[in-house]
């Protein structure tokens, strides 16, 4: 399974997710956006259009780490991703 992970190295949850994915030898692409405007724009487009982020935005949170699976599933739950590996 191919995974796209959106996140930032400034977020401890994102760093923990990277570590967990690495430990499982997961096939993933990490789109880190604190140093890439292109990755940030890609994430913001997703965040601004997906209902998954409505509660996150109401809380004033960012919504990372965010995972997009090759079957189209979009989730903020690392455990859900790990369970599918």
PDB file of N, CA and C in Angstrom:
ATOM      1  N   UNK A   1       0.842  -1.177   0.000  1.00  0.00           N
ATOM      2  CA  UNK A   1       0.000   0.000   0.000  1.00  0.00           C
ATOM      3  C   UNK A   1       0.886   1.237   0.000  1.00  0.00           C
ATOM      4  N   UNK A   2       0.591   2.161  -0.888  1.00  0.00           N
ATOM      5  CA  UNK A   2       1.309   3.429  -0.962  1.00  0.00           C
ATOM      6  C   UNK A   2       0.558   4.457  -0.115  1.00  0.00           C
ATOM      7  N   UNK A   3       1.296   5.200   0.682  1.00  0.00           N
ATOM      8  CA  UNK A   3       0.724   6.192   1.590  1.00  0.00           C
ATOM      9  C   UNK A   3       1.362   7.540   1.297  1.00  0.00           C
ATOM     10  N   UNK A   4       0.538   8.571   1.279  1.00  0.00           N
ATOM     11  CA  UNK A   4       1.048   9.943   1.252  1.00  0.00           C
ATOM     12  C   UNK A   4       0.771  10.519   2.628  1.00  0.00           C
ATOM     13  N   UNK A   5       1.787  11.054   3.250  1.00  0.00           N
ATOM     14  CA  UNK A   5       1.634  11.679   4.565  1.00  0.00           C
ATOM     15  C   UNK A   5       1.962  13.148   4.448  1.00  0.00           C
ATOM     16  N   UNK A   6       1.019  13.977   4.863  1.00  0.00           N
ATOM     17  CA  UNK A   6       1.238  15.417   4.937  1.00  0.00           C
ATOM     18  C   UNK A   6       1.602  15.757   6.373  1.00  0.00           C
ATOM     19  N   UNK A   7       2.603  16.604   6.556  1.00  0.00           N
ATOM     20  CA  UNK A   7       2.983  16.993   7.901  1.00  0.00           C
ATOM     21  C   UNK A   7       4.126  17.973   7.913  1.00  0.00           C
ATOM     22  N   UNK A   8       4.611  18.224   9.104  1.00  0.00           N
ATOM     23  CA  UNK A   8       5.720  19.142   9.305  1.00  0.00           C
ATOM     24  C   UNK A   8       6.646  18.604  10.391  1.00  0.00           C
ATOM     25  N   UNK A   9       7.916  18.809  10.219  1.00  0.00           N
ATOM     26  CA  UNK A   9       8.880  18.362  11.222  1.00  0.00           C
ATOM     27  C   UNK A   9       8.793  19.171  12.512  1.00  0.00           C
ATOM     28  N   UNK A  10       8.009  20.240  12.508  1.00  0.00           N
ATOM     29  CA  UNK A  10       7.795  21.025  13.723  1.00  0.00           C
ATOM     30  C   UNK A  10       6.729  20.396  14.626  1.00  0.00           C
ATOM     31  N   UNK A  11       6.115  19.310  14.171  1.00  0.00           N
ATOM     32  CA  UNK A  11       5.022  18.650  14.898  1.00  0.00           C
ATOM     33  C   UNK A  11       5.508  17.309  15.444  1.00  0.00           C
ATOM     34  N   UNK A  12       5.437  17.138  16.756  1.00  0.00           N
ATOM     35  CA  UNK A  12       5.909  15.882  17.357  1.00  0.00           C
ATOM     36  C   UNK A  12       5.073  14.691  16.901  1.00  0.00           C
ATOM     37  N   UNK A  13       3.774  14.886  16.663  1.00  0.00           N
ATOM     38  CA  UNK A  13       2.936  13.792  16.185  1.00  0.00           C
ATOM     39  C   UNK A  13       3.360  13.339  14.789  1.00  0.00           C
ATOM     40  N   UNK A  14       3.778  14.286  13.961  1.00  0.00           N
ATOM     41  CA  UNK A  14       4.258  13.939  12.617  1.00  0.00           C
ATOM     42  C   UNK A  14       5.563  13.148  12.698  1.00  0.00           C
ATOM     43  N   UNK A  15       6.448  13.576  13.567  1.00  0.00           N
ATOM     44  CA  UNK A  15       7.721  12.865  13.727  1.00  0.00           C
ATOM     45  C   UNK A  15       7.504  11.456  14.263  1.00  0.00           C
ATOM     46  N   UNK A  16       6.537  11.305  15.183  1.00  0.00           N
ATOM     47  CA  UNK A  16       6.218   9.975  15.702  1.00  0.00           C
ATOM     48  C   UNK A  16       5.620   9.103  14.606  1.00  0.00           C
ATOM     49  N   UNK A  17       4.809   9.699  13.729  1.00  0.00           N
ATOM     50  CA  UNK A  17       4.214   8.949  12.620  1.00  0.00           C
ATOM     51  C   UNK A  17       5.293   8.480  11.653  1.00  0.00           C
ATOM     52  N   UNK A  18       6.244   9.338  11.339  1.00  0.00           N
ATOM     53  CA  UNK A  18       7.350   8.958  10.457  1.00  0.00           C
ATOM     54  C   UNK A  18       8.105   7.778  11.066  1.00  0.00           C
ATOM     55  N   UNK A  19       8.381   7.863  12.341  1.00  0.00           N
ATOM     56  CA  UNK A  19       9.101   6.781  13.023  1.00  0.00           C
ATOM     57  C   UNK A  19       8.312   5.473  12.946  1.00  0.00           C
ATOM     58  N   UNK A  20       7.004   5.535  13.204  1.00  0.00           N
ATOM     59  CA  UNK A  20       6.169   4.334  13.173  1.00  0.00           C
ATOM     60  C   UNK A  20       6.107   3.740  11.764  1.00  0.00           C
ATOM     61  N   UNK A  21       5.984   4.584  10.753  1.00  0.00           N
ATOM     62  CA  UNK A  21       5.945   4.097   9.375  1.00  0.00           C
ATOM     63  C   UNK A  21       7.286   3.483   8.979  1.00  0.00           C
ATOM     64  N   UNK A  22       8.373   4.120   9.395  1.00  0.00           N
ATOM     65  CA  UNK A  22       9.702   3.576   9.111  1.00  0.00           C
ATOM     66  C   UNK A  22       9.900   2.211   9.774  1.00  0.00           C
ATOM     67  N   UNK A  23       9.435   2.083  11.015  1.00  0.00           N
ATOM     68  CA  UNK A  23       9.576   0.817  11.734  1.00  0.00           C
ATOM     69  C   UNK A  23       8.814  -0.313  11.050  1.00  0.00           C
ATOM     70  N   UNK A  24       7.753   0.034  10.345  1.00  0.00           N
ATOM     71  CA  UNK A  24       6.948  -0.962   9.618  1.00  0.00           C
ATOM     72  C   UNK A  24       7.415  -1.123   8.169  1.00  0.00           C
ATOM     73  N   UNK A  25       8.465  -0.405   7.798  1.00  0.00           N
ATOM     74  CA  UNK A  25       8.944  -0.421   6.410  1.00  0.00           C
ATOM     75  C   UNK A  25       7.835  -0.088   5.421  1.00  0.00           C
ATOM     76  N   UNK A  26       7.010   0.866   5.788  1.00  0.00           N
ATOM     77  CA  UNK A  26       5.876   1.269   4.954  1.00  0.00           C
ATOM     78  C   UNK A  26       6.362   1.997   3.710  1.00  0.00           C
ATOM     79  N   UNK A  27       5.608   1.833   2.641  1.00  0.00           N
ATOM     80  CA  UNK A  27       5.875   2.534   1.393  1.00  0.00           C
ATOM     81  C   UNK A  27       5.107   3.859   1.452  1.00  0.00           C
ATOM     82  N   UNK A  28       5.800   4.929   1.798  1.00  0.00           N
ATOM     83  CA  UNK A  28       5.114   6.208   1.945  1.00  0.00           C
ATOM     84  C   UNK A  28       5.959   7.356   1.400  1.00  0.00           C
ATOM     85  N   UNK A  29       5.244   8.429   1.080  1.00  0.00           N
ATOM     86  CA  UNK A  29       5.885   9.663   0.660  1.00  0.00           C
ATOM     87  C   UNK A  29       5.491  10.725   1.697  1.00  0.00           C
ATOM     88  N   UNK A  30       6.479  11.349   2.298  1.00  0.00           N
ATOM     89  CA  UNK A  30       6.235  12.368   3.319  1.00  0.00           C
ATOM     90  C   UNK A  30       6.315  13.724   2.653  1.00  0.00           C
ATOM     91  N   UNK A  31       5.180  14.404   2.600  1.00  0.00           N
ATOM     92  CA  UNK A  31       5.137  15.751   2.038  1.00  0.00           C
ATOM     93  C   UNK A  31       5.227  16.749   3.187  1.00  0.00           C
ATOM     94  N   UNK A  32       6.433  17.035   3.567  1.00  0.00           N
ATOM     95  CA  UNK A  32       6.746  17.951   4.671  1.00  0.00           C
ATOM     96  C   UNK A  32       6.577  19.368   4.146  1.00  0.00           C
ATOM     97  N   UNK A  33       5.757  20.172   4.829  1.00  0.00           N
ATOM     98  CA  UNK A  33       5.430  21.468   4.242  1.00  0.00           C
ATOM     99  C   UNK A  33       6.019  22.685   4.942  1.00  0.00           C
ATOM    100  N   UNK A  34       6.752  22.527   6.002  1.00  0.00           N
ATOM    101  CA  UNK A  34       7.302  23.727   6.641  1.00  0.00           C
ATOM    102  C   UNK A  34       8.444  24.330   5.829  1.00  0.00           C
ATOM    103  N   UNK A  35       9.026  23.541   4.936  1.00  0.00           N
ATOM    104  CA  UNK A  35      10.118  24.055   4.105  1.00  0.00           C
ATOM    105  C   UNK A  35       9.781  24.013   2.618  1.00  0.00           C
ATOM    106  N   UNK A  36       8.517  23.683   2.287  1.00  0.00           N
ATOM    107  CA  UNK A  36       8.124  23.576   0.886  1.00  0.00           C
ATOM    108  C   UNK A  36       6.777  24.250   0.659  1.00  0.00           C
ATOM    109  N   UNK A  37       6.796  25.362  -0.037  1.00  0.00           N
ATOM    110  CA  UNK A  37       5.556  26.071  -0.343  1.00  0.00           C
ATOM    111  C   UNK A  37       4.641  25.200  -1.197  1.00  0.00           C
ATOM    112  N   UNK A  38       5.206  24.440  -2.126  1.00  0.00           N
ATOM    113  CA  UNK A  38       4.399  23.569  -2.981  1.00  0.00           C
ATOM    114  C   UNK A  38       3.660  22.514  -2.144  1.00  0.00           C
ATOM    115  N   UNK A  39       4.354  21.902  -1.188  1.00  0.00           N
ATOM    116  CA  UNK A  39       3.709  20.914  -0.324  1.00  0.00           C
ATOM    117  C   UNK A  39       2.659  21.564   0.567  1.00  0.00           C
ATOM    118  N   UNK A  40       2.927  22.768   1.049  1.00  0.00           N
ATOM    119  CA  UNK A  40       1.961  23.487   1.870  1.00  0.00           C
ATOM    120  C   UNK A  40       0.702  23.796   1.065  1.00  0.00           C
ATOM    121  N   UNK A  41       0.860  24.262  -0.151  1.00  0.00           N
ATOM    122  CA  UNK A  41      -0.298  24.560  -0.998  1.00  0.00           C
ATOM    123  C   UNK A  41      -1.111  23.306  -1.268  1.00  0.00           C
ATOM    124  N   UNK A  42      -0.438  22.208  -1.516  1.00  0.00           N
ATOM    125  CA  UNK A  42      -1.131  20.938  -1.763  1.00  0.00           C
ATOM    126  C   UNK A  42      -1.941  20.521  -0.536  1.00  0.00           C
ATOM    127  N   UNK A  43      -1.333  20.650   0.657  1.00  0.00           N
ATOM    128  CA  UNK A  43      -2.034  20.304   1.884  1.00  0.00           C
ATOM    129  C   UNK A  43      -3.208  21.248   2.130  1.00  0.00           C
ATOM    130  N   UNK A  44      -3.010  22.553   1.957  1.00  0.00           N
ATOM    131  CA  UNK A  44      -4.083  23.511   2.217  1.00  0.00           C
ATOM    132  C   UNK A  44      -5.272  23.306   1.286  1.00  0.00           C
ATOM    133  N   UNK A  45      -5.013  22.944   0.040  1.00  0.00           N
ATOM    134  CA  UNK A  45      -6.109  22.660  -0.880  1.00  0.00           C
ATOM    135  C   UNK A  45      -6.929  21.486  -0.357  1.00  0.00           C
ATOM    136  N   UNK A  46      -6.256  20.455   0.108  1.00  0.00           N
ATOM    137  CA  UNK A  46      -6.924  19.298   0.676  1.00  0.00           C
ATOM    138  C   UNK A  46      -7.697  19.684   1.931  1.00  0.00           C
ATOM    139  N   UNK A  47      -7.059  20.427   2.805  1.00  0.00           N
ATOM    140  CA  UNK A  47      -7.656  20.841   4.074  1.00  0.00           C
ATOM    141  C   UNK A  47      -8.865  21.740   3.860  1.00  0.00           C
ATOM    142  N   UNK A  48      -8.806  22.575   2.850  1.00  0.00           N
ATOM    143  CA  UNK A  48      -9.903  23.512   2.590  1.00  0.00           C
ATOM    144  C   UNK A  48     -11.096  22.872   1.895  1.00  0.00           C
ATOM    145  N   UNK A  49     -10.933  21.676   1.345  1.00  0.00           N
ATOM    146  CA  UNK A  49     -12.014  21.066   0.574  1.00  0.00           C
ATOM    147  C   UNK A  49     -12.566  19.767   1.158  1.00  0.00           C
ATOM    148  N   UNK A  50     -11.868  19.154   2.078  1.00  0.00           N
ATOM    149  CA  UNK A  50     -12.301  17.858   2.614  1.00  0.00           C
ATOM    150  C   UNK A  50     -13.068  18.016   3.933  1.00  0.00           C
ATOM    151  N   UNK A  51     -14.250  17.404   4.033  1.00  0.00           N
ATOM    152  CA  UNK A  51     -15.043  17.475   5.266  1.00  0.00           C
ATOM    153  C   UNK A  51     -14.321  16.920   6.493  1.00  0.00           C
ATOM    154  N   UNK A  52     -13.362  16.025   6.295  1.00  0.00           N
ATOM    155  CA  UNK A  52     -12.595  15.449   7.399  1.00  0.00           C
ATOM    156  C   UNK A  52     -12.006  16.531   8.309  1.00  0.00           C
ATOM    157  N   UNK A  53     -11.705  17.688   7.748  1.00  0.00           N
ATOM    158  CA  UNK A  53     -11.017  18.735   8.496  1.00  0.00           C
ATOM    159  C   UNK A  53     -11.951  19.733   9.194  1.00  0.00           C
ATOM    160  N   UNK A  54     -13.256  19.586   9.041  1.00  0.00           N
ATOM    161  CA  UNK A  54     -14.181  20.562   9.619  1.00  0.00           C
ATOM    162  C   UNK A  54     -14.010  20.703  11.132  1.00  0.00           C
ATOM    163  N   UNK A  55     -13.982  19.583  11.853  1.00  0.00           N
ATOM    164  CA  UNK A  55     -13.821  19.632  13.313  1.00  0.00           C
ATOM    165  C   UNK A  55     -12.436  20.145  13.697  1.00  0.00           C
ATOM    166  N   UNK A  56     -11.441  19.765  12.939  1.00  0.00           N
ATOM    167  CA  UNK A  56     -10.071  20.209  13.187  1.00  0.00           C
ATOM    168  C   UNK A  56      -9.998  21.731  13.108  1.00  0.00           C
ATOM    169  N   UNK A  57     -10.589  22.286  12.061  1.00  0.00           N
ATOM    170  CA  UNK A  57     -10.557  23.745  11.875  1.00  0.00           C
ATOM    171  C   UNK A  57     -11.336  24.457  12.969  1.00  0.00           C
ATOM    172  N   UNK A  58     -12.460  23.881  13.410  1.00  0.00           N
ATOM    173  CA  UNK A  58     -13.248  24.488  14.492  1.00  0.00           C
ATOM    174  C   UNK A  58     -12.433  24.589  15.782  1.00  0.00           C
ATOM    175  N   UNK A  59     -11.538  23.619  15.983  1.00  0.00           N
ATOM    176  CA  UNK A  59     -10.696  23.605  17.180  1.00  0.00           C
ATOM    177  C   UNK A  59      -9.466  24.491  17.033  1.00  0.00           C
ATOM    178  N   UNK A  60      -9.254  25.026  15.834  1.00  0.00           N
ATOM    179  CA  UNK A  60      -8.075  25.859  15.593  1.00  0.00           C
ATOM    180  C   UNK A  60      -6.810  25.048  15.388  1.00  0.00           C
ATOM    181  N   UNK A  61      -6.970  23.765  15.080  1.00  0.00           N
ATOM    182  CA  UNK A  61      -5.817  22.891  14.863  1.00  0.00           C
ATOM    183  C   UNK A  61      -5.455  22.856  13.376  1.00  0.00           C
ATOM    184  N   UNK A  62      -4.348  22.213  13.075  1.00  0.00           N
ATOM    185  CA  UNK A  62      -3.858  22.158  11.699  1.00  0.00           C
ATOM    186  C   UNK A  62      -4.392  20.935  10.961  1.00  0.00           C
ATOM    187  N   UNK A  63      -4.359  19.778  11.607  1.00  0.00           N
ATOM    188  CA  UNK A  63      -4.833  18.560  10.959  1.00  0.00           C
ATOM    189  C   UNK A  63      -3.720  17.699  10.401  1.00  0.00           C
ATOM    190  N   UNK A  64      -2.614  17.658  11.114  1.00  0.00           N
ATOM    191  CA  UNK A  64      -1.506  16.795  10.712  1.00  0.00           C
ATOM    192  C   UNK A  64      -1.082  15.953  11.907  1.00  0.00           C
ATOM    193  N   UNK A  65      -0.550  14.791  11.657  1.00  0.00           N
ATOM    194  CA  UNK A  65      -0.310  14.231  10.340  1.00  0.00           C
ATOM    195  C   UNK A  65      -1.619  13.821   9.672  1.00  0.00           C
ATOM    196  N   UNK A  66      -1.619  13.932   8.370  1.00  0.00           N
ATOM    197  CA  UNK A  66      -2.752  13.534   7.545  1.00  0.00           C
ATOM    198  C   UNK A  66      -2.241  12.493   6.553  1.00  0.00           C
ATOM    199  N   UNK A  67      -3.016  11.446   6.371  1.00  0.00           N
ATOM    200  CA  UNK A  67      -2.603  10.340   5.525  1.00  0.00           C
ATOM    201  C   UNK A  67      -3.615  10.131   4.406  1.00  0.00           C
ATOM    202  N   UNK A  68      -3.096   9.964   3.203  1.00  0.00           N
ATOM    203  CA  UNK A  68      -3.936   9.605   2.062  1.00  0.00           C
ATOM    204  C   UNK A  68      -3.443   8.254   1.557  1.00  0.00           C
ATOM    205  N   UNK A  69      -4.342   7.265   1.584  1.00  0.00           N
ATOM    206  CA  UNK A  69      -3.989   5.912   1.181  1.00  0.00           C
ATOM    207  C   UNK A  69      -4.290   5.709  -0.294  1.00  0.00           C
ATOM    208  N   UNK A  70      -3.680   4.694  -0.873  1.00  0.00           N
ATOM    209  CA  UNK A  70      -3.835   4.479  -2.310  1.00  0.00           C
ATOM    210  C   UNK A  70      -5.256   4.096  -2.710  1.00  0.00           C
ATOM    211  N   UNK A  71      -6.094   3.694  -1.739  1.00  0.00           N
ATOM    212  CA  UNK A  71      -7.495   3.395  -2.048  1.00  0.00           C
ATOM    213  C   UNK A  71      -8.376   4.641  -1.955  1.00  0.00           C
ATOM    214  N   UNK A  72      -7.740   5.803  -1.711  1.00  0.00           N
ATOM    215  CA  UNK A  72      -8.469   7.058  -1.626  1.00  0.00           C
ATOM    216  C   UNK A  72      -8.852   7.467  -0.210  1.00  0.00           C
ATOM    217  N   UNK A  73      -8.658   6.566   0.753  1.00  0.00           N
ATOM    218  CA  UNK A  73      -8.971   6.880   2.147  1.00  0.00           C
ATOM    219  C   UNK A  73      -8.131   8.052   2.623  1.00  0.00           C
ATOM    220  N   UNK A  74      -8.770   8.989   3.296  1.00  0.00           N
ATOM    221  CA  UNK A  74      -8.095  10.127   3.906  1.00  0.00           C
ATOM    222  C   UNK A  74      -8.356  10.036   5.398  1.00  0.00           C
ATOM    223  N   UNK A  75      -7.282  10.048   6.205  1.00  0.00           N
ATOM    224  CA  UNK A  75      -7.450   9.895   7.647  1.00  0.00           C
ATOM    225  C   UNK A  75      -6.413  10.710   8.408  1.00  0.00           C
ATOM    226  N   UNK A  76      -6.769  11.043   9.621  1.00  0.00           N
ATOM    227  CA  UNK A  76      -5.857  11.712  10.550  1.00  0.00           C
ATOM    228  C   UNK A  76      -5.384  10.732  11.623  1.00  0.00           C
ATOM    229  N   UNK A  77      -5.761   9.479  11.482  1.00  0.00           N
ATOM    230  CA  UNK A  77      -5.527   8.448  12.493  1.00  0.00           C
ATOM    231  C   UNK A  77      -4.376   7.523  12.087  1.00  0.00           C
ATOM    232  N   UNK A  78      -3.238   7.702  12.716  1.00  0.00           N
ATOM    233  CA  UNK A  78      -2.072   6.869  12.426  1.00  0.00           C
ATOM    234  C   UNK A  78      -2.378   5.400  12.655  1.00  0.00           C
ATOM    235  N   UNK A  79      -3.098   5.077  13.712  1.00  0.00           N
ATOM    236  CA  UNK A  79      -3.389   3.669  14.005  1.00  0.00           C
ATOM    237  C   UNK A  79      -4.184   3.026  12.889  1.00  0.00           C
ATOM    238  N   UNK A  80      -5.109   3.769  12.299  1.00  0.00           N
ATOM    239  CA  UNK A  80      -5.876   3.248  11.162  1.00  0.00           C
ATOM    240  C   UNK A  80      -4.950   2.881  10.010  1.00  0.00           C
ATOM    241  N   UNK A  81      -3.952   3.714   9.775  1.00  0.00           N
ATOM    242  CA  UNK A  81      -2.978   3.448   8.719  1.00  0.00           C
ATOM    243  C   UNK A  81      -2.153   2.213   9.054  1.00  0.00           C
ATOM    244  N   UNK A  82      -1.652   2.151  10.264  1.00  0.00           N
ATOM    245  CA  UNK A  82      -0.823   1.018  10.684  1.00  0.00           C
ATOM    246  C   UNK A  82      -1.600  -0.285  10.625  1.00  0.00           C
ATOM    247  N   UNK A  83      -2.889  -0.241  10.961  1.00  0.00           N
ATOM    248  CA  UNK A  83      -3.718  -1.452  10.928  1.00  0.00           C
ATOM    249  C   UNK A  83      -3.888  -1.976   9.498  1.00  0.00           C
ATOM    250  N   UNK A  84      -3.782  -1.098   8.507  1.00  0.00           N
ATOM    251  CA  UNK A  84      -3.963  -1.512   7.119  1.00  0.00           C
ATOM    252  C   UNK A  84      -2.671  -1.996   6.472  1.00  0.00           C
ATOM    253  N   UNK A  85      -1.561  -1.826   7.166  1.00  0.00           N
ATOM    254  CA  UNK A  85      -0.278  -2.282   6.597  1.00  0.00           C
ATOM    255  C   UNK A  85      -0.134  -3.785   6.691  1.00  0.00           C
TER     256      UNK A  85
END
